């Protein structure tokens, strides 16, 4: 449960906007790992999020300017559970 909290916290601390897909990924992974989740779980979660949300949606979510933020948070938790189970 604690790692899920840190995963969500990592998502919230992402800073800056970029149209560069790899920068979004790097920022997500950095925040997620700093939050205490294993890199393999963070990578798995981001891969699943990337299939669900477009790059533009991820940029808006990161900036807190999207009505999808609550869906994103719920999806992140769901995907984290799935990724942990896959380990």
PDB file of N, CA and C in Angstrom:
ATOM      1  N   UNK A   1       0.831  -1.194   0.000  1.00  0.00           N
ATOM      2  CA  UNK A   1       0.000   0.000   0.000  1.00  0.00           C
ATOM      3  C   UNK A   1       0.869   1.249   0.000  1.00  0.00           C
ATOM      4  N   UNK A   2       1.974   1.182   0.756  1.00  0.00           N
ATOM      5  CA  UNK A   2       2.851   2.334   0.856  1.00  0.00           C
ATOM      6  C   UNK A   2       3.460   2.680  -0.506  1.00  0.00           C
ATOM      7  N   UNK A   3       3.846   1.654  -1.278  1.00  0.00           N
ATOM      8  CA  UNK A   3       4.445   1.935  -2.588  1.00  0.00           C
ATOM      9  C   UNK A   3       3.420   2.542  -3.537  1.00  0.00           C
ATOM     10  N   UNK A   4       2.151   2.177  -3.392  1.00  0.00           N
ATOM     11  CA  UNK A   4       1.101   2.786  -4.219  1.00  0.00           C
ATOM     12  C   UNK A   4       0.969   4.269  -3.897  1.00  0.00           C
ATOM     13  N   UNK A   5       1.057   4.586  -2.610  1.00  0.00           N
ATOM     14  CA  UNK A   5       0.990   5.984  -2.208  1.00  0.00           C
ATOM     15  C   UNK A   5       2.145   6.758  -2.826  1.00  0.00           C
ATOM     16  N   UNK A   6       3.347   6.180  -2.757  1.00  0.00           N
ATOM     17  CA  UNK A   6       4.516   6.861  -3.312  1.00  0.00           C
ATOM     18  C   UNK A   6       4.432   6.968  -4.826  1.00  0.00           C
ATOM     19  N   UNK A   7       3.831   5.982  -5.464  1.00  0.00           N
ATOM     20  CA  UNK A   7       3.631   6.061  -6.906  1.00  0.00           C
ATOM     21  C   UNK A   7       2.751   7.254  -7.242  1.00  0.00           C
ATOM     22  N   UNK A   8       1.636   7.380  -6.537  1.00  0.00           N
ATOM     23  CA  UNK A   8       0.723   8.502  -6.768  1.00  0.00           C
ATOM     24  C   UNK A   8       1.415   9.816  -6.436  1.00  0.00           C
ATOM     25  N   UNK A   9       2.160   9.836  -5.344  1.00  0.00           N
ATOM     26  CA  UNK A   9       2.894  11.042  -4.976  1.00  0.00           C
ATOM     27  C   UNK A   9       3.898  11.409  -6.066  1.00  0.00           C
ATOM     28  N   UNK A  10       4.557  10.412  -6.604  1.00  0.00           N
ATOM     29  CA  UNK A  10       5.507  10.656  -7.687  1.00  0.00           C
ATOM     30  C   UNK A  10       4.849  11.274  -8.899  1.00  0.00           C
ATOM     31  N   UNK A  11       3.630  10.857  -9.174  1.00  0.00           N
ATOM     32  CA  UNK A  11       2.893  11.430 -10.298  1.00  0.00           C
ATOM     33  C   UNK A  11       2.588  12.895 -10.062  1.00  0.00           C
ATOM     34  N   UNK A  12       2.300  13.229  -8.818  1.00  0.00           N
ATOM     35  CA  UNK A  12       1.927  14.604  -8.499  1.00  0.00           C
ATOM     36  C   UNK A  12       3.101  15.568  -8.535  1.00  0.00           C
ATOM     37  N   UNK A  13       4.306  15.070  -8.319  1.00  0.00           N
ATOM     38  CA  UNK A  13       5.453  15.970  -8.263  1.00  0.00           C
ATOM     39  C   UNK A  13       6.126  16.185  -9.609  1.00  0.00           C
ATOM     40  N   UNK A  14       5.569  15.608 -10.637  1.00  0.00           N
ATOM     41  CA  UNK A  14       6.144  15.839 -11.958  1.00  0.00           C
ATOM     42  C   UNK A  14       6.080  17.319 -12.286  1.00  0.00           C
ATOM     43  N   UNK A  15       7.153  17.842 -12.812  1.00  0.00           N
ATOM     44  CA  UNK A  15       7.198  19.279 -13.084  1.00  0.00           C
ATOM     45  C   UNK A  15       7.457  19.533 -14.561  1.00  0.00           C
ATOM     46  N   UNK A  16       6.939  20.671 -15.029  1.00  0.00           N
ATOM     47  CA  UNK A  16       7.206  21.122 -16.387  1.00  0.00           C
ATOM     48  C   UNK A  16       6.362  20.441 -17.433  1.00  0.00           C
ATOM     49  N   UNK A  17       6.230  21.112 -18.553  1.00  0.00           N
ATOM     50  CA  UNK A  17       5.492  20.581 -19.694  1.00  0.00           C
ATOM     51  C   UNK A  17       6.455  20.396 -20.848  1.00  0.00           C
ATOM     52  N   UNK A  18       6.293  19.337 -21.565  1.00  0.00           N
ATOM     53  CA  UNK A  18       7.119  19.107 -22.728  1.00  0.00           C
ATOM     54  C   UNK A  18       6.347  18.310 -23.749  1.00  0.00           C
ATOM     55  N   UNK A  19       6.593  18.608 -25.003  1.00  0.00           N
ATOM     56  CA  UNK A  19       5.971  17.812 -26.051  1.00  0.00           C
ATOM     57  C   UNK A  19       6.841  16.609 -26.365  1.00  0.00           C
ATOM     58  N   UNK A  20       7.922  16.464 -25.677  1.00  0.00           N
ATOM     59  CA  UNK A  20       8.843  15.364 -25.892  1.00  0.00           C
ATOM     60  C   UNK A  20       8.385  14.150 -25.088  1.00  0.00           C
ATOM     61  N   UNK A  21       7.956  13.132 -25.828  1.00  0.00           N
ATOM     62  CA  UNK A  21       7.428  11.917 -25.203  1.00  0.00           C
ATOM     63  C   UNK A  21       8.435  11.281 -24.231  1.00  0.00           C
ATOM     64  N   UNK A  22       9.687  11.265 -24.614  1.00  0.00           N
ATOM     65  CA  UNK A  22      10.696  10.643 -23.753  1.00  0.00           C
ATOM     66  C   UNK A  22      10.921  11.449 -22.475  1.00  0.00           C
ATOM     67  N   UNK A  23      10.749  12.766 -22.537  1.00  0.00           N
ATOM     68  CA  UNK A  23      10.903  13.585 -21.336  1.00  0.00           C
ATOM     69  C   UNK A  23       9.768  13.287 -20.349  1.00  0.00           C
ATOM     70  N   UNK A  24       8.542  13.153 -20.862  1.00  0.00           N
ATOM     71  CA  UNK A  24       7.411  12.794 -19.997  1.00  0.00           C
ATOM     72  C   UNK A  24       7.678  11.463 -19.305  1.00  0.00           C
ATOM     73  N   UNK A  25       8.148  10.498 -20.091  1.00  0.00           N
ATOM     74  CA  UNK A  25       8.441   9.174 -19.550  1.00  0.00           C
ATOM     75  C   UNK A  25       9.524   9.267 -18.470  1.00  0.00           C
ATOM     76  N   UNK A  26      10.594   9.995 -18.782  1.00  0.00           N
ATOM     77  CA  UNK A  26      11.694  10.141 -17.831  1.00  0.00           C
ATOM     78  C   UNK A  26      11.257  10.791 -16.532  1.00  0.00           C
ATOM     79  N   UNK A  27      10.430  11.818 -16.639  1.00  0.00           N
ATOM     80  CA  UNK A  27       9.948  12.499 -15.438  1.00  0.00           C
ATOM     81  C   UNK A  27       9.050  11.581 -14.620  1.00  0.00           C
ATOM     82  N   UNK A  28       8.203  10.832 -15.297  1.00  0.00           N
ATOM     83  CA  UNK A  28       7.332   9.893 -14.587  1.00  0.00           C
ATOM     84  C   UNK A  28       8.175   8.854 -13.849  1.00  0.00           C
ATOM     85  N   UNK A  29       9.108   8.241 -14.586  1.00  0.00           N
ATOM     86  CA  UNK A  29       9.928   7.191 -13.978  1.00  0.00           C
ATOM     87  C   UNK A  29      10.754   7.730 -12.815  1.00  0.00           C
ATOM     88  N   UNK A  30      11.297   8.908 -12.971  1.00  0.00           N
ATOM     89  CA  UNK A  30      12.086   9.517 -11.902  1.00  0.00           C
ATOM     90  C   UNK A  30      11.244   9.733 -10.644  1.00  0.00           C
ATOM     91  N   UNK A  31      10.072  10.323 -10.808  1.00  0.00           N
ATOM     92  CA  UNK A  31       9.193  10.568  -9.668  1.00  0.00           C
ATOM     93  C   UNK A  31       8.710   9.288  -9.024  1.00  0.00           C
ATOM     94  N   UNK A  32       8.410   8.314  -9.851  1.00  0.00           N
ATOM     95  CA  UNK A  32       7.911   7.031  -9.360  1.00  0.00           C
ATOM     96  C   UNK A  32       8.987   6.301  -8.549  1.00  0.00           C
ATOM     97  N   UNK A  33      10.198   6.232  -9.098  1.00  0.00           N
ATOM     98  CA  UNK A  33      11.298   5.551  -8.407  1.00  0.00           C
ATOM     99  C   UNK A  33      11.677   6.304  -7.133  1.00  0.00           C
ATOM    100  N   UNK A  34      11.709   7.628  -7.202  1.00  0.00           N
ATOM    101  CA  UNK A  34      12.009   8.419  -6.003  1.00  0.00           C
ATOM    102  C   UNK A  34      10.943   8.215  -4.933  1.00  0.00           C
ATOM    103  N   UNK A  35       9.733   7.870  -5.363  1.00  0.00           N
ATOM    104  CA  UNK A  35       8.653   7.597  -4.428  1.00  0.00           C
ATOM    105  C   UNK A  35       8.759   6.233  -3.770  1.00  0.00           C
ATOM    106  N   UNK A  36       9.736   5.425  -4.198  1.00  0.00           N
ATOM    107  CA  UNK A  36       9.971   4.149  -3.542  1.00  0.00           C
ATOM    108  C   UNK A  36       9.535   2.917  -4.301  1.00  0.00           C
ATOM    109  N   UNK A  37       9.019   3.079  -5.497  1.00  0.00           N
ATOM    110  CA  UNK A  37       8.593   1.918  -6.280  1.00  0.00           C
ATOM    111  C   UNK A  37       9.759   1.394  -7.107  1.00  0.00           C
ATOM    112  N   UNK A  38       9.805   0.083  -7.324  1.00  0.00           N
ATOM    113  CA  UNK A  38      10.865  -0.476  -8.171  1.00  0.00           C
ATOM    114  C   UNK A  38      10.741   0.050  -9.604  1.00  0.00           C
ATOM    115  N   UNK A  39      11.884   0.234 -10.260  1.00  0.00           N
ATOM    116  CA  UNK A  39      11.880   0.767 -11.626  1.00  0.00           C
ATOM    117  C   UNK A  39      11.066  -0.120 -12.563  1.00  0.00           C
ATOM    118  N   UNK A  40      11.120  -1.428 -12.367  1.00  0.00           N
ATOM    119  CA  UNK A  40      10.380  -2.333 -13.248  1.00  0.00           C
ATOM    120  C   UNK A  40       8.873  -2.097 -13.141  1.00  0.00           C
ATOM    121  N   UNK A  41       8.393  -1.826 -11.936  1.00  0.00           N
ATOM    122  CA  UNK A  41       6.968  -1.539 -11.741  1.00  0.00           C
ATOM    123  C   UNK A  41       6.628  -0.188 -12.361  1.00  0.00           C
ATOM    124  N   UNK A  42       7.483   0.799 -12.145  1.00  0.00           N
ATOM    125  CA  UNK A  42       7.244   2.134 -12.706  1.00  0.00           C
ATOM    126  C   UNK A  42       7.185   2.086 -14.230  1.00  0.00           C
ATOM    127  N   UNK A  43       8.107   1.348 -14.829  1.00  0.00           N
ATOM    128  CA  UNK A  43       8.133   1.216 -16.286  1.00  0.00           C
ATOM    129  C   UNK A  43       6.872   0.534 -16.786  1.00  0.00           C
ATOM    130  N   UNK A  44       6.474  -0.518 -16.114  1.00  0.00           N
ATOM    131  CA  UNK A  44       5.256  -1.243 -16.477  1.00  0.00           C
ATOM    132  C   UNK A  44       4.034  -0.328 -16.402  1.00  0.00           C
ATOM    133  N   UNK A  45       3.917   0.433 -15.325  1.00  0.00           N
ATOM    134  CA  UNK A  45       2.778   1.340 -15.147  1.00  0.00           C
ATOM    135  C   UNK A  45       2.761   2.377 -16.260  1.00  0.00           C
ATOM    136  N   UNK A  46       3.911   2.980 -16.541  1.00  0.00           N
ATOM    137  CA  UNK A  46       3.941   4.021 -17.577  1.00  0.00           C
ATOM    138  C   UNK A  46       3.580   3.447 -18.944  1.00  0.00           C
ATOM    139  N   UNK A  47       4.060   2.252 -19.235  1.00  0.00           N
ATOM    140  CA  UNK A  47       3.714   1.623 -20.515  1.00  0.00           C
ATOM    141  C   UNK A  47       2.202   1.452 -20.647  1.00  0.00           C
ATOM    142  N   UNK A  48       1.553   1.067 -19.564  1.00  0.00           N
ATOM    143  CA  UNK A  48       0.096   0.901 -19.590  1.00  0.00           C
ATOM    144  C   UNK A  48      -0.609   2.256 -19.706  1.00  0.00           C
ATOM    145  N   UNK A  49      -0.109   3.256 -19.000  1.00  0.00           N
ATOM    146  CA  UNK A  49      -0.698   4.598 -19.084  1.00  0.00           C
ATOM    147  C   UNK A  49      -0.565   5.163 -20.490  1.00  0.00           C
ATOM    148  N   UNK A  50       0.570   4.901 -21.114  1.00  0.00           N
ATOM    149  CA  UNK A  50       0.829   5.407 -22.460  1.00  0.00           C
ATOM    150  C   UNK A  50      -0.123   4.790 -23.489  1.00  0.00           C
ATOM    151  N   UNK A  51      -0.596   3.596 -23.210  1.00  0.00           N
ATOM    152  CA  UNK A  51      -1.579   2.956 -24.097  1.00  0.00           C
ATOM    153  C   UNK A  51      -2.978   3.524 -23.876  1.00  0.00           C
ATOM    154  N   UNK A  52      -3.208   4.104 -22.706  1.00  0.00           N
ATOM    155  CA  UNK A  52      -4.520   4.639 -22.345  1.00  0.00           C
ATOM    156  C   UNK A  52      -4.660   6.114 -22.698  1.00  0.00           C
ATOM    157  N   UNK A  53      -3.584   6.871 -22.532  1.00  0.00           N
ATOM    158  CA  UNK A  53      -3.623   8.327 -22.709  1.00  0.00           C
ATOM    159  C   UNK A  53      -2.673   8.763 -23.817  1.00  0.00           C
ATOM    160  N   UNK A  54      -3.107   9.743 -24.591  1.00  0.00           N
ATOM    161  CA  UNK A  54      -2.239  10.311 -25.625  1.00  0.00           C
ATOM    162  C   UNK A  54      -1.154  11.162 -24.962  1.00  0.00           C
ATOM    163  N   UNK A  55      -0.130  11.486 -25.724  1.00  0.00           N
ATOM    164  CA  UNK A  55       0.933  12.345 -25.203  1.00  0.00           C
ATOM    165  C   UNK A  55       0.365  13.693 -24.776  1.00  0.00           C
ATOM    166  N   UNK A  56      -0.541  14.237 -25.562  1.00  0.00           N
ATOM    167  CA  UNK A  56      -1.151  15.529 -25.217  1.00  0.00           C
ATOM    168  C   UNK A  56      -1.940  15.426 -23.912  1.00  0.00           C
ATOM    169  N   UNK A  57      -2.683  14.346 -23.734  1.00  0.00           N
ATOM    170  CA  UNK A  57      -3.426  14.154 -22.487  1.00  0.00           C
ATOM    171  C   UNK A  57      -2.468  14.032 -21.301  1.00  0.00           C
ATOM    172  N   UNK A  58      -1.378  13.311 -21.479  1.00  0.00           N
ATOM    173  CA  UNK A  58      -0.398  13.164 -20.398  1.00  0.00           C
ATOM    174  C   UNK A  58       0.219  14.507 -20.035  1.00  0.00           C
ATOM    175  N   UNK A  59       0.496  15.337 -21.030  1.00  0.00           N
ATOM    176  CA  UNK A  59       1.027  16.677 -20.759  1.00  0.00           C
ATOM    177  C   UNK A  59       0.026  17.498 -19.957  1.00  0.00           C
ATOM    178  N   UNK A  60      -1.250  17.431 -20.324  1.00  0.00           N
ATOM    179  CA  UNK A  60      -2.278  18.194 -19.609  1.00  0.00           C
ATOM    180  C   UNK A  60      -2.477  17.663 -18.193  1.00  0.00           C
ATOM    181  N   UNK A  61      -2.444  16.362 -18.035  1.00  0.00           N
ATOM    182  CA  UNK A  61      -2.566  15.752 -16.708  1.00  0.00           C
ATOM    183  C   UNK A  61      -1.386  16.176 -15.842  1.00  0.00           C
ATOM    184  N   UNK A  62      -0.201  16.129 -16.408  1.00  0.00           N
ATOM    185  CA  UNK A  62       1.009  16.515 -15.681  1.00  0.00           C
ATOM    186  C   UNK A  62       0.915  17.955 -15.190  1.00  0.00           C
ATOM    187  N   UNK A  63       0.328  18.812 -16.006  1.00  0.00           N
ATOM    188  CA  UNK A  63       0.195  20.229 -15.651  1.00  0.00           C
ATOM    189  C   UNK A  63      -1.014  20.484 -14.755  1.00  0.00           C
ATOM    190  N   UNK A  64      -1.811  19.452 -14.494  1.00  0.00           N
ATOM    191  CA  UNK A  64      -2.993  19.613 -13.649  1.00  0.00           C
ATOM    192  C   UNK A  64      -4.130  20.342 -14.335  1.00  0.00           C
ATOM    193  N   UNK A  65      -4.106  20.363 -15.675  1.00  0.00           N
ATOM    194  CA  UNK A  65      -5.124  21.098 -16.429  1.00  0.00           C
ATOM    195  C   UNK A  65      -6.092  20.174 -17.154  1.00  0.00           C
ATOM    196  N   UNK A  66      -6.312  19.028 -16.626  1.00  0.00           N
ATOM    197  CA  UNK A  66      -7.172  18.081 -17.324  1.00  0.00           C
ATOM    198  C   UNK A  66      -8.223  17.503 -16.383  1.00  0.00           C
ATOM    199  N   UNK A  67      -9.444  17.356 -16.899  1.00  0.00           N
ATOM    200  CA  UNK A  67     -10.467  16.682 -16.090  1.00  0.00           C
ATOM    201  C   UNK A  67     -10.163  15.189 -15.932  1.00  0.00           C
ATOM    202  N   UNK A  68      -9.151  14.711 -16.639  1.00  0.00           N
ATOM    203  CA  UNK A  68      -8.787  13.295 -16.571  1.00  0.00           C
ATOM    204  C   UNK A  68      -7.880  12.956 -15.389  1.00  0.00           C
ATOM    205  N   UNK A  69      -7.499  13.943 -14.586  1.00  0.00           N
ATOM    206  CA  UNK A  69      -6.555  13.700 -13.492  1.00  0.00           C
ATOM    207  C   UNK A  69      -7.059  12.605 -12.554  1.00  0.00           C
ATOM    208  N   UNK A  70      -8.323  12.657 -12.163  1.00  0.00           N
ATOM    209  CA  UNK A  70      -8.830  11.634 -11.232  1.00  0.00           C
ATOM    210  C   UNK A  70      -8.850  10.259 -11.895  1.00  0.00           C
ATOM    211  N   UNK A  71      -9.209  10.196 -13.176  1.00  0.00           N
ATOM    212  CA  UNK A  71      -9.167   8.916 -13.895  1.00  0.00           C
ATOM    213  C   UNK A  71      -7.732   8.401 -13.976  1.00  0.00           C
ATOM    214  N   UNK A  72      -6.813   9.310 -14.250  1.00  0.00           N
ATOM    215  CA  UNK A  72      -5.398   8.968 -14.351  1.00  0.00           C
ATOM    216  C   UNK A  72      -4.893   8.382 -13.032  1.00  0.00           C
ATOM    217  N   UNK A  73      -5.260   9.001 -11.937  1.00  0.00           N
ATOM    218  CA  UNK A  73      -4.827   8.516 -10.627  1.00  0.00           C
ATOM    219  C   UNK A  73      -5.385   7.113 -10.365  1.00  0.00           C
ATOM    220  N   UNK A  74      -6.650   6.920 -10.673  1.00  0.00           N
ATOM    221  CA  UNK A  74      -7.260   5.606 -10.467  1.00  0.00           C
ATOM    222  C   UNK A  74      -6.615   4.563 -11.380  1.00  0.00           C
ATOM    223  N   UNK A  75      -6.405   4.936 -12.648  1.00  0.00           N
ATOM    224  CA  UNK A  75      -5.747   4.017 -13.579  1.00  0.00           C
ATOM    225  C   UNK A  75      -4.340   3.678 -13.100  1.00  0.00           C
ATOM    226  N   UNK A  76      -3.623   4.658 -12.572  1.00  0.00           N
ATOM    227  CA  UNK A  76      -2.264   4.426 -12.078  1.00  0.00           C
ATOM    228  C   UNK A  76      -2.258   3.389 -10.962  1.00  0.00           C
ATOM    229  N   UNK A  77      -3.200   3.493 -10.064  1.00  0.00           N
ATOM    230  CA  UNK A  77      -3.296   2.532  -8.960  1.00  0.00           C
ATOM    231  C   UNK A  77      -3.650   1.144  -9.489  1.00  0.00           C
ATOM    232  N   UNK A  78      -4.617   1.091 -10.396  1.00  0.00           N
ATOM    233  CA  UNK A  78      -5.019  -0.185 -10.996  1.00  0.00           C
ATOM    234  C   UNK A  78      -3.843  -0.831 -11.720  1.00  0.00           C
ATOM    235  N   UNK A  79      -3.132  -0.031 -12.517  1.00  0.00           N
ATOM    236  CA  UNK A  79      -1.991  -0.548 -13.266  1.00  0.00           C
ATOM    237  C   UNK A  79      -0.854  -0.960 -12.331  1.00  0.00           C
ATOM    238  N   UNK A  80      -0.645  -0.214 -11.258  1.00  0.00           N
ATOM    239  CA  UNK A  80       0.402  -0.573 -10.298  1.00  0.00           C
ATOM    240  C   UNK A  80       0.106  -1.941  -9.682  1.00  0.00           C
ATOM    241  N   UNK A  81      -1.141  -2.171  -9.317  1.00  0.00           N
ATOM    242  CA  UNK A  81      -1.523  -3.477  -8.765  1.00  0.00           C
ATOM    243  C   UNK A  81      -1.254  -4.583  -9.774  1.00  0.00           C
ATOM    244  N   UNK A  82      -1.634  -4.336 -11.032  1.00  0.00           N
ATOM    245  CA  UNK A  82      -1.427  -5.338 -12.082  1.00  0.00           C
ATOM    246  C   UNK A  82       0.066  -5.587 -12.309  1.00  0.00           C
ATOM    247  N   UNK A  83       0.841  -4.526 -12.336  1.00  0.00           N
ATOM    248  CA  UNK A  83       2.285  -4.662 -12.566  1.00  0.00           C
ATOM    249  C   UNK A  83       2.973  -5.390 -11.417  1.00  0.00           C
ATOM    250  N   UNK A  84       2.557  -5.112 -10.202  1.00  0.00           N
ATOM    251  CA  UNK A  84       3.122  -5.808  -9.042  1.00  0.00           C
ATOM    252  C   UNK A  84       2.777  -7.293  -9.109  1.00  0.00           C
ATOM    253  N   UNK A  85       1.549  -7.600  -9.501  1.00  0.00           N
ATOM    254  CA  UNK A  85       1.122  -8.997  -9.616  1.00  0.00           C
ATOM    255  C   UNK A  85       1.895  -9.729 -10.717  1.00  0.00           C
ATOM    256  N   UNK A  86       2.298  -9.000 -11.755  1.00  0.00           N
ATOM    257  CA  UNK A  86       3.043  -9.600 -12.871  1.00  0.00           C
ATOM    258  C   UNK A  86       4.494  -9.883 -12.510  1.00  0.00           C
ATOM    259  N   UNK A  87       5.002  -9.262 -11.456  1.00  0.00           N
ATOM    260  CA  UNK A  87       6.426  -9.403 -11.079  1.00  0.00           C
ATOM    261  C   UNK A  87       6.739 -10.793 -10.594  1.00  0.00           C
TER     262      UNK A  87
END
